[in-house]
Amino acid sequence: MLLKICGCGLLFVSALAASVWKLRKARRQLLLLEGWIDFLTFVRGEIGSRMTPLFRILEATDPAFFELLGAKEKRLEDYLCASEKDLDRDSLEALSSFAAACETSYRADLLASCDRALFTLSQKRQELASELPKEKRRTFSISLLAVGLVILLFW
């Protein structure tokens, strides 16, 4: 009897841990999207109004953004590499096209690329923000249901 209770407890803890891990990943992705949106908005403002070079924009960027990404150096390529594991493919493609435009484009092309990336990331952020509460309820419900079914099977 004690082994059954311990087994059910371990199953409950493992299901809960998996749910929490999945939610933390979704929250991290949302936080990264918000950080990138803030960064691109800042870059767009600096390029659009002041025509600031990119290296100066990166120097003026908030250090909290670097900490969020975990990038070591203040280079756009490092930011993208640090975000690869947490962002989806569409967001990464938008950011990669913006990074490519930063190196080869004129001001108008750079602003257009920045606007496209902002649009894509904003859509993804809204989508993720609306799905997060549903995902939270769904994962916890599934984990509790799985534990309940295991308890019924053991008894």
N, C-alpha and C. Protein backbone atom coordinates (compact mmCIF):
# COMPACT_ATOMS: atom_id res chain seq x y z
N MET A 1 0.83 -1.20 0.00
CA MET A 1 0.00 0.00 0.00
C MET A 1 0.87 1.26 0.00
N LEU A 2 1.91 1.23 0.82
CA LEU A 2 2.80 2.38 0.90
C LEU A 2 3.52 2.60 -0.44
N LEU A 3 3.88 1.50 -1.11
CA LEU A 3 4.53 1.63 -2.41
C LEU A 3 3.59 2.23 -3.46
N LYS A 4 2.32 1.88 -3.39
CA LYS A 4 1.36 2.46 -4.31
C LYS A 4 1.23 3.96 -4.09
N ILE A 5 1.18 4.36 -2.84
CA ILE A 5 1.05 5.78 -2.52
C ILE A 5 2.31 6.54 -2.96
N CYS A 6 3.47 5.95 -2.71
CA CYS A 6 4.72 6.59 -3.14
C CYS A 6 4.79 6.67 -4.67
N GLY A 7 4.37 5.62 -5.34
CA GLY A 7 4.37 5.62 -6.81
C GLY A 7 3.43 6.67 -7.37
N CYS A 8 2.25 6.79 -6.78
CA CYS A 8 1.30 7.81 -7.23
C CYS A 8 1.86 9.21 -6.96
N GLY A 9 2.51 9.36 -5.82
CA GLY A 9 3.12 10.66 -5.51
C GLY A 9 4.22 11.02 -6.50
N LEU A 10 5.05 10.04 -6.84
CA LEU A 10 6.11 10.29 -7.82
C LEU A 10 5.53 10.61 -9.20
N LEU A 11 4.48 9.91 -9.58
CA LEU A 11 3.85 10.21 -10.87
C LEU A 11 3.25 11.62 -10.88
N PHE A 12 2.63 12.00 -9.77
CA PHE A 12 2.06 13.34 -9.67
C PHE A 12 3.15 14.40 -9.77
N VAL A 13 4.24 14.20 -9.05
CA VAL A 13 5.34 15.17 -9.07
C VAL A 13 5.97 15.25 -10.46
N SER A 14 6.15 14.11 -11.11
CA SER A 14 6.75 14.14 -12.45
C SER A 14 5.81 14.80 -13.47
N ALA A 15 4.52 14.54 -13.38
CA ALA A 15 3.57 15.18 -14.29
C ALA A 15 3.51 16.68 -14.04
N LEU A 16 3.55 17.07 -12.79
CA LEU A 16 3.54 18.48 -12.44
C LEU A 16 4.83 19.16 -12.89
N ALA A 17 5.96 18.49 -12.74
CA ALA A 17 7.24 19.06 -13.17
C ALA A 17 7.27 19.24 -14.69
N ALA A 18 6.74 18.28 -15.42
CA ALA A 18 6.69 18.41 -16.88
C ALA A 18 5.81 19.59 -17.29
N SER A 19 4.69 19.76 -16.60
CA SER A 19 3.80 20.88 -16.89
C SER A 19 4.47 22.21 -16.60
N VAL A 20 5.13 22.29 -15.47
CA VAL A 20 5.82 23.53 -15.09
C VAL A 20 6.94 23.83 -16.08
N TRP A 21 7.68 22.82 -16.50
CA TRP A 21 8.76 23.03 -17.47
C TRP A 21 8.22 23.57 -18.79
N LYS A 22 7.12 23.02 -19.25
CA LYS A 22 6.51 23.46 -20.50
C LYS A 22 6.03 24.90 -20.39
N LEU A 23 5.43 25.26 -19.27
CA LEU A 23 4.95 26.62 -19.07
C LEU A 23 6.10 27.61 -18.95
N ARG A 24 7.17 27.21 -18.28
CA ARG A 24 8.33 28.10 -18.18
C ARG A 24 8.94 28.37 -19.54
N LYS A 25 8.96 27.36 -20.39
CA LYS A 25 9.47 27.54 -21.74
C LYS A 25 8.60 28.52 -22.53
N ALA A 26 7.28 28.39 -22.40
CA ALA A 26 6.38 29.31 -23.10
C ALA A 26 6.53 30.73 -22.56
N ARG A 27 6.69 30.87 -21.26
CA ARG A 27 6.88 32.21 -20.68
C ARG A 27 8.21 32.81 -21.13
N ARG A 28 9.24 31.99 -21.21
CA ARG A 28 10.53 32.48 -21.69
C ARG A 28 10.43 32.95 -23.13
N GLN A 29 9.71 32.19 -23.94
CA GLN A 29 9.53 32.58 -25.33
C GLN A 29 8.78 33.91 -25.41
N LEU A 30 7.76 34.08 -24.60
CA LEU A 30 7.01 35.34 -24.58
C LEU A 30 7.90 36.50 -24.13
N LEU A 31 8.71 36.26 -23.11
CA LEU A 31 9.63 37.30 -22.63
C LEU A 31 10.66 37.67 -23.70
N LEU A 32 11.17 36.68 -24.41
CA LEU A 32 12.12 36.95 -25.49
C LEU A 32 11.47 37.73 -26.62
N LEU A 33 10.26 37.37 -26.97
CA LEU A 33 9.56 38.12 -28.01
C LEU A 33 9.36 39.57 -27.61
N GLU A 34 8.98 39.79 -26.36
CA GLU A 34 8.80 41.16 -25.88
C GLU A 34 10.13 41.92 -25.89
N GLY A 35 11.22 41.25 -25.52
CA GLY A 35 12.53 41.89 -25.56
C GLY A 35 12.95 42.25 -26.97
N TRP A 36 12.72 41.35 -27.92
CA TRP A 36 13.07 41.63 -29.30
C TRP A 36 12.20 42.75 -29.87
N ILE A 37 10.92 42.77 -29.52
CA ILE A 37 10.04 43.83 -29.99
C ILE A 37 10.51 45.18 -29.45
N ASP A 38 10.86 45.23 -28.17
CA ASP A 38 11.38 46.48 -27.60
C ASP A 38 12.68 46.90 -28.29
N PHE A 39 13.56 45.93 -28.53
CA PHE A 39 14.83 46.23 -29.18
C PHE A 39 14.61 46.76 -30.60
N LEU A 40 13.74 46.09 -31.37
CA LEU A 40 13.49 46.52 -32.74
C LEU A 40 12.80 47.88 -32.79
N THR A 41 11.95 48.15 -31.83
CA THR A 41 11.31 49.47 -31.75
C THR A 41 12.36 50.54 -31.48
N PHE A 42 13.27 50.24 -30.58
CA PHE A 42 14.36 51.17 -30.28
C PHE A 42 15.25 51.38 -31.51
N VAL A 43 15.59 50.30 -32.19
CA VAL A 43 16.43 50.38 -33.39
C VAL A 43 15.73 51.19 -34.47
N ARG A 44 14.45 50.94 -34.65
CA ARG A 44 13.71 51.66 -35.68
C ARG A 44 13.67 53.15 -35.37
N GLY A 45 13.47 53.50 -34.12
CA GLY A 45 13.46 54.91 -33.74
C GLY A 45 14.81 55.58 -33.96
N GLU A 46 15.87 54.87 -33.61
CA GLU A 46 17.20 55.44 -33.77
C GLU A 46 17.58 55.60 -35.24
N ILE A 47 17.26 54.62 -36.05
CA ILE A 47 17.60 54.69 -37.46
C ILE A 47 16.68 55.69 -38.19
N GLY A 48 15.40 55.65 -37.83
CA GLY A 48 14.43 56.51 -38.52
C GLY A 48 14.59 57.98 -38.22
N SER A 49 14.88 58.32 -36.99
CA SER A 49 14.93 59.73 -36.64
C SER A 49 16.36 60.30 -36.59
N ARG A 50 17.30 59.51 -36.15
CA ARG A 50 18.65 60.03 -35.94
C ARG A 50 19.69 59.46 -36.89
N MET A 51 19.33 58.42 -37.64
CA MET A 51 20.27 57.73 -38.54
C MET A 51 21.52 57.26 -37.81
N THR A 52 21.32 56.74 -36.59
CA THR A 52 22.42 56.24 -35.77
C THR A 52 22.96 54.94 -36.37
N PRO A 53 24.27 54.79 -36.45
CA PRO A 53 24.84 53.51 -36.94
C PRO A 53 24.50 52.36 -35.99
N LEU A 54 24.46 51.18 -36.54
CA LEU A 54 24.04 50.01 -35.76
C LEU A 54 24.96 49.74 -34.57
N PHE A 55 26.26 49.90 -34.74
CA PHE A 55 27.16 49.61 -33.62
C PHE A 55 26.91 50.56 -32.45
N ARG A 56 26.52 51.79 -32.73
CA ARG A 56 26.19 52.73 -31.64
C ARG A 56 24.87 52.37 -30.98
N ILE A 57 23.95 51.87 -31.78
CA ILE A 57 22.65 51.43 -31.23
C ILE A 57 22.88 50.25 -30.29
N LEU A 58 23.73 49.33 -30.70
CA LEU A 58 24.01 48.16 -29.86
C LEU A 58 24.71 48.56 -28.56
N GLU A 59 25.56 49.59 -28.63
CA GLU A 59 26.22 50.08 -27.42
C GLU A 59 25.22 50.73 -26.46
N ALA A 60 24.19 51.35 -27.02
CA ALA A 60 23.21 52.05 -26.20
C ALA A 60 22.06 51.15 -25.72
N THR A 61 22.07 49.91 -26.15
CA THR A 61 21.00 48.98 -25.78
C THR A 61 21.06 48.66 -24.29
N ASP A 62 19.90 48.48 -23.71
CA ASP A 62 19.78 48.17 -22.28
C ASP A 62 20.49 46.86 -21.95
N PRO A 63 21.35 46.86 -20.94
CA PRO A 63 22.06 45.62 -20.56
C PRO A 63 21.13 44.48 -20.14
N ALA A 64 19.92 44.80 -19.71
CA ALA A 64 18.97 43.75 -19.33
C ALA A 64 18.62 42.88 -20.54
N PHE A 65 18.64 43.47 -21.72
CA PHE A 65 18.37 42.70 -22.93
C PHE A 65 19.47 41.68 -23.16
N PHE A 66 20.72 42.07 -22.93
CA PHE A 66 21.83 41.13 -23.08
C PHE A 66 21.72 40.00 -22.06
N GLU A 67 21.33 40.33 -20.84
CA GLU A 67 21.18 39.31 -19.80
C GLU A 67 20.06 38.34 -20.15
N LEU A 68 18.98 38.88 -20.71
CA LEU A 68 17.85 38.05 -21.10
C LEU A 68 18.27 37.03 -22.16
N LEU A 69 19.05 37.47 -23.11
CA LEU A 69 19.48 36.59 -24.19
C LEU A 69 20.64 35.69 -23.79
N GLY A 70 21.47 36.17 -22.89
CA GLY A 70 22.65 35.42 -22.52
C GLY A 70 23.77 35.57 -23.54
N ALA A 71 23.72 36.62 -24.36
CA ALA A 71 24.76 36.85 -25.36
C ALA A 71 25.97 37.48 -24.69
N LYS A 72 27.15 37.08 -25.14
CA LYS A 72 28.38 37.57 -24.54
C LYS A 72 28.82 38.91 -25.12
N GLU A 73 28.70 39.05 -26.43
CA GLU A 73 29.16 40.26 -27.09
C GLU A 73 27.98 41.02 -27.66
N LYS A 74 28.18 42.29 -27.92
CA LYS A 74 27.12 43.13 -28.43
C LYS A 74 27.14 43.12 -29.96
N ARG A 75 26.79 41.95 -30.51
CA ARG A 75 26.67 41.80 -31.96
C ARG A 75 25.33 41.17 -32.25
N LEU A 76 24.72 41.59 -33.33
CA LEU A 76 23.40 41.11 -33.69
C LEU A 76 23.39 39.60 -33.94
N GLU A 77 24.45 39.08 -34.51
CA GLU A 77 24.53 37.64 -34.78
C GLU A 77 24.53 36.84 -33.48
N ASP A 78 25.20 37.37 -32.45
CA ASP A 78 25.22 36.69 -31.16
C ASP A 78 23.83 36.67 -30.52
N TYR A 79 23.09 37.75 -30.71
CA TYR A 79 21.72 37.80 -30.18
C TYR A 79 20.85 36.74 -30.84
N LEU A 80 20.99 36.62 -32.16
CA LEU A 80 20.20 35.63 -32.88
C LEU A 80 20.57 34.21 -32.46
N CYS A 81 21.86 33.95 -32.32
CA CYS A 81 22.30 32.62 -31.89
C CYS A 81 21.79 32.28 -30.50
N ALA A 82 21.76 33.29 -29.63
CA ALA A 82 21.27 33.05 -28.27
C ALA A 82 19.77 32.81 -28.24
N SER A 83 19.05 33.29 -29.24
CA SER A 83 17.59 33.14 -29.28
C SER A 83 17.12 31.91 -30.04
N GLU A 84 18.02 31.23 -30.72
CA GLU A 84 17.61 30.13 -31.60
C GLU A 84 16.86 29.01 -30.89
N LYS A 85 17.27 28.68 -29.69
CA LYS A 85 16.64 27.54 -29.02
C LYS A 85 15.27 27.87 -28.44
N ASP A 86 14.95 29.16 -28.28
CA ASP A 86 13.69 29.52 -27.62
C ASP A 86 12.63 30.09 -28.56
N LEU A 87 13.02 30.57 -29.72
CA LEU A 87 12.05 31.18 -30.63
C LEU A 87 11.65 30.21 -31.73
N ASP A 88 10.48 30.42 -32.30
CA ASP A 88 10.00 29.57 -33.38
C ASP A 88 10.64 29.98 -34.71
N ARG A 89 10.37 29.20 -35.72
CA ARG A 89 11.02 29.39 -37.02
C ARG A 89 10.65 30.71 -37.69
N ASP A 90 9.37 31.10 -37.63
CA ASP A 90 8.94 32.34 -38.28
C ASP A 90 9.62 33.56 -37.64
N SER A 91 9.70 33.56 -36.34
CA SER A 91 10.34 34.68 -35.64
C SER A 91 11.82 34.75 -35.98
N LEU A 92 12.46 33.60 -36.01
CA LEU A 92 13.88 33.57 -36.35
C LEU A 92 14.14 34.01 -37.79
N GLU A 93 13.25 33.63 -38.70
CA GLU A 93 13.41 34.07 -40.09
C GLU A 93 13.26 35.58 -40.20
N ALA A 94 12.29 36.14 -39.48
CA ALA A 94 12.10 37.59 -39.52
C ALA A 94 13.32 38.31 -38.95
N LEU A 95 13.84 37.80 -37.84
CA LEU A 95 15.02 38.42 -37.24
C LEU A 95 16.26 38.23 -38.11
N SER A 96 16.38 37.09 -38.75
CA SER A 96 17.53 36.85 -39.64
C SER A 96 17.50 37.77 -40.85
N SER A 97 16.31 37.99 -41.40
CA SER A 97 16.21 38.90 -42.54
C SER A 97 16.53 40.34 -42.12
N PHE A 98 16.14 40.70 -40.89
CA PHE A 98 16.49 42.02 -40.39
C PHE A 98 18.00 42.14 -40.20
N ALA A 99 18.61 41.10 -39.65
CA ALA A 99 20.07 41.13 -39.44
C ALA A 99 20.81 41.20 -40.77
N ALA A 100 20.31 40.50 -41.78
CA ALA A 100 20.95 40.57 -43.10
C ALA A 100 20.78 41.96 -43.70
N ALA A 101 19.64 42.57 -43.48
CA ALA A 101 19.41 43.92 -43.99
C ALA A 101 20.29 44.94 -43.28
N CYS A 102 20.62 44.68 -42.04
CA CYS A 102 21.48 45.61 -41.29
C CYS A 102 22.87 45.73 -41.91
N GLU A 103 23.31 44.69 -42.54
CA GLU A 103 24.67 44.69 -43.06
C GLU A 103 24.77 45.17 -44.51
N THR A 104 23.68 45.07 -45.26
CA THR A 104 23.80 45.34 -46.68
C THR A 104 22.85 46.41 -47.21
N SER A 105 21.87 46.85 -46.45
CA SER A 105 20.81 47.68 -47.01
C SER A 105 20.99 49.15 -46.72
N TYR A 106 20.25 49.91 -47.50
CA TYR A 106 20.14 51.34 -47.26
C TYR A 106 19.13 51.59 -46.16
N ARG A 107 19.02 52.83 -45.76
CA ARG A 107 18.17 53.19 -44.63
C ARG A 107 16.71 52.79 -44.87
N ALA A 108 16.16 53.07 -46.04
CA ALA A 108 14.76 52.75 -46.32
C ALA A 108 14.52 51.24 -46.28
N ASP A 109 15.45 50.47 -46.84
CA ASP A 109 15.32 49.01 -46.81
C ASP A 109 15.43 48.47 -45.39
N LEU A 110 16.31 49.08 -44.62
CA LEU A 110 16.48 48.66 -43.24
C LEU A 110 15.23 48.94 -42.42
N LEU A 111 14.62 50.11 -42.64
CA LEU A 111 13.38 50.43 -41.93
C LEU A 111 12.25 49.49 -42.34
N ALA A 112 12.17 49.16 -43.62
CA ALA A 112 11.14 48.23 -44.09
C ALA A 112 11.36 46.84 -43.49
N SER A 113 12.60 46.40 -43.44
CA SER A 113 12.91 45.10 -42.85
C SER A 113 12.59 45.09 -41.35
N CYS A 114 12.88 46.19 -40.69
CA CYS A 114 12.57 46.31 -39.26
C CYS A 114 11.06 46.26 -39.04
N ASP A 115 10.31 46.95 -39.90
CA ASP A 115 8.84 46.93 -39.78
C ASP A 115 8.28 45.53 -40.00
N ARG A 116 8.82 44.81 -40.98
CA ARG A 116 8.36 43.43 -41.22
C ARG A 116 8.65 42.54 -40.01
N ALA A 117 9.84 42.68 -39.46
CA ALA A 117 10.19 41.88 -38.29
C ALA A 117 9.31 42.24 -37.10
N LEU A 118 9.07 43.53 -36.90
CA LEU A 118 8.19 43.96 -35.80
C LEU A 118 6.78 43.40 -35.98
N PHE A 119 6.28 43.42 -37.20
CA PHE A 119 4.94 42.91 -37.47
C PHE A 119 4.86 41.42 -37.17
N THR A 120 5.84 40.67 -37.65
CA THR A 120 5.86 39.22 -37.42
C THR A 120 5.97 38.88 -35.94
N LEU A 121 6.88 39.55 -35.24
CA LEU A 121 7.06 39.27 -33.82
C LEU A 121 5.86 39.71 -33.00
N SER A 122 5.23 40.81 -33.37
CA SER A 122 4.04 41.27 -32.63
C SER A 122 2.89 40.29 -32.80
N GLN A 123 2.71 39.78 -34.02
CA GLN A 123 1.67 38.77 -34.23
C GLN A 123 1.94 37.52 -33.40
N LYS A 124 3.18 37.07 -33.42
CA LYS A 124 3.53 35.86 -32.66
C LYS A 124 3.36 36.08 -31.17
N ARG A 125 3.70 37.28 -30.69
CA ARG A 125 3.55 37.60 -29.28
C ARG A 125 2.08 37.59 -28.86
N GLN A 126 1.22 38.19 -29.69
CA GLN A 126 -0.21 38.19 -29.38
C GLN A 126 -0.77 36.77 -29.36
N GLU A 127 -0.35 35.98 -30.32
CA GLU A 127 -0.79 34.60 -30.41
C GLU A 127 -0.36 33.81 -29.16
N LEU A 128 0.89 33.98 -28.78
CA LEU A 128 1.42 33.26 -27.62
C LEU A 128 0.78 33.75 -26.32
N ALA A 129 0.57 35.05 -26.21
CA ALA A 129 -0.04 35.60 -25.00
C ALA A 129 -1.49 35.13 -24.84
N SER A 130 -2.19 34.96 -25.93
CA SER A 130 -3.57 34.47 -25.83
C SER A 130 -3.62 32.97 -25.55
N GLU A 131 -2.61 32.24 -26.00
CA GLU A 131 -2.57 30.80 -25.79
C GLU A 131 -2.02 30.39 -24.43
N LEU A 132 -1.26 31.25 -23.79
CA LEU A 132 -0.60 30.88 -22.54
C LEU A 132 -1.58 30.48 -21.42
N PRO A 133 -2.64 31.25 -21.15
CA PRO A 133 -3.56 30.81 -20.09
C PRO A 133 -4.26 29.49 -20.43
N LYS A 134 -4.60 29.31 -21.70
CA LYS A 134 -5.23 28.05 -22.11
C LYS A 134 -4.26 26.89 -21.93
N GLU A 135 -3.02 27.12 -22.32
CA GLU A 135 -2.00 26.08 -22.19
C GLU A 135 -1.75 25.73 -20.73
N LYS A 136 -1.81 26.74 -19.89
CA LYS A 136 -1.60 26.52 -18.45
C LYS A 136 -2.69 25.61 -17.89
N ARG A 137 -3.93 25.94 -18.21
CA ARG A 137 -5.03 25.10 -17.73
C ARG A 137 -4.96 23.70 -18.32
N ARG A 138 -4.63 23.62 -19.61
CA ARG A 138 -4.59 22.32 -20.29
C ARG A 138 -3.50 21.42 -19.71
N THR A 139 -2.31 21.94 -19.50
CA THR A 139 -1.23 21.08 -19.02
C THR A 139 -1.47 20.61 -17.60
N PHE A 140 -1.96 21.49 -16.75
CA PHE A 140 -2.24 21.06 -15.38
C PHE A 140 -3.41 20.10 -15.33
N SER A 141 -4.41 20.30 -16.17
CA SER A 141 -5.54 19.37 -16.20
C SER A 141 -5.11 17.99 -16.67
N ILE A 142 -4.29 17.95 -17.70
CA ILE A 142 -3.83 16.67 -18.23
C ILE A 142 -2.97 15.94 -17.20
N SER A 143 -2.10 16.68 -16.52
CA SER A 143 -1.25 16.02 -15.53
C SER A 143 -2.09 15.48 -14.37
N LEU A 144 -3.06 16.24 -13.93
CA LEU A 144 -3.92 15.76 -12.84
C LEU A 144 -4.79 14.60 -13.29
N LEU A 145 -5.26 14.65 -14.52
CA LEU A 145 -6.07 13.55 -15.05
C LEU A 145 -5.23 12.28 -15.16
N ALA A 146 -4.00 12.42 -15.62
CA ALA A 146 -3.12 11.25 -15.74
C ALA A 146 -2.86 10.63 -14.38
N VAL A 147 -2.63 11.45 -13.38
CA VAL A 147 -2.40 10.94 -12.02
C VAL A 147 -3.66 10.28 -11.50
N GLY A 148 -4.81 10.89 -11.75
CA GLY A 148 -6.07 10.29 -11.31
C GLY A 148 -6.30 8.92 -11.94
N LEU A 149 -6.00 8.81 -13.22
CA LEU A 149 -6.17 7.52 -13.90
C LEU A 149 -5.20 6.47 -13.35
N VAL A 150 -3.99 6.87 -13.06
CA VAL A 150 -3.02 5.93 -12.49
C VAL A 150 -3.47 5.48 -11.11
N ILE A 151 -3.99 6.38 -10.32
CA ILE A 151 -4.49 6.03 -8.99
C ILE A 151 -5.64 5.03 -9.10
N LEU A 152 -6.53 5.27 -10.07
CA LEU A 152 -7.64 4.33 -10.26
C LEU A 152 -7.13 2.96 -10.71
N LEU A 153 -6.13 2.94 -11.54
CA LEU A 153 -5.59 1.66 -12.00
C LEU A 153 -4.90 0.88 -10.90
N PHE A 154 -4.24 1.59 -9.98
CA PHE A 154 -3.54 0.92 -8.90
C PHE A 154 -4.48 0.41 -7.81
N TRP A 155 -5.62 1.02 -7.66
CA TRP A 155 -6.52 0.59 -6.60
C TRP A 155 -7.42 -0.45 -7.07
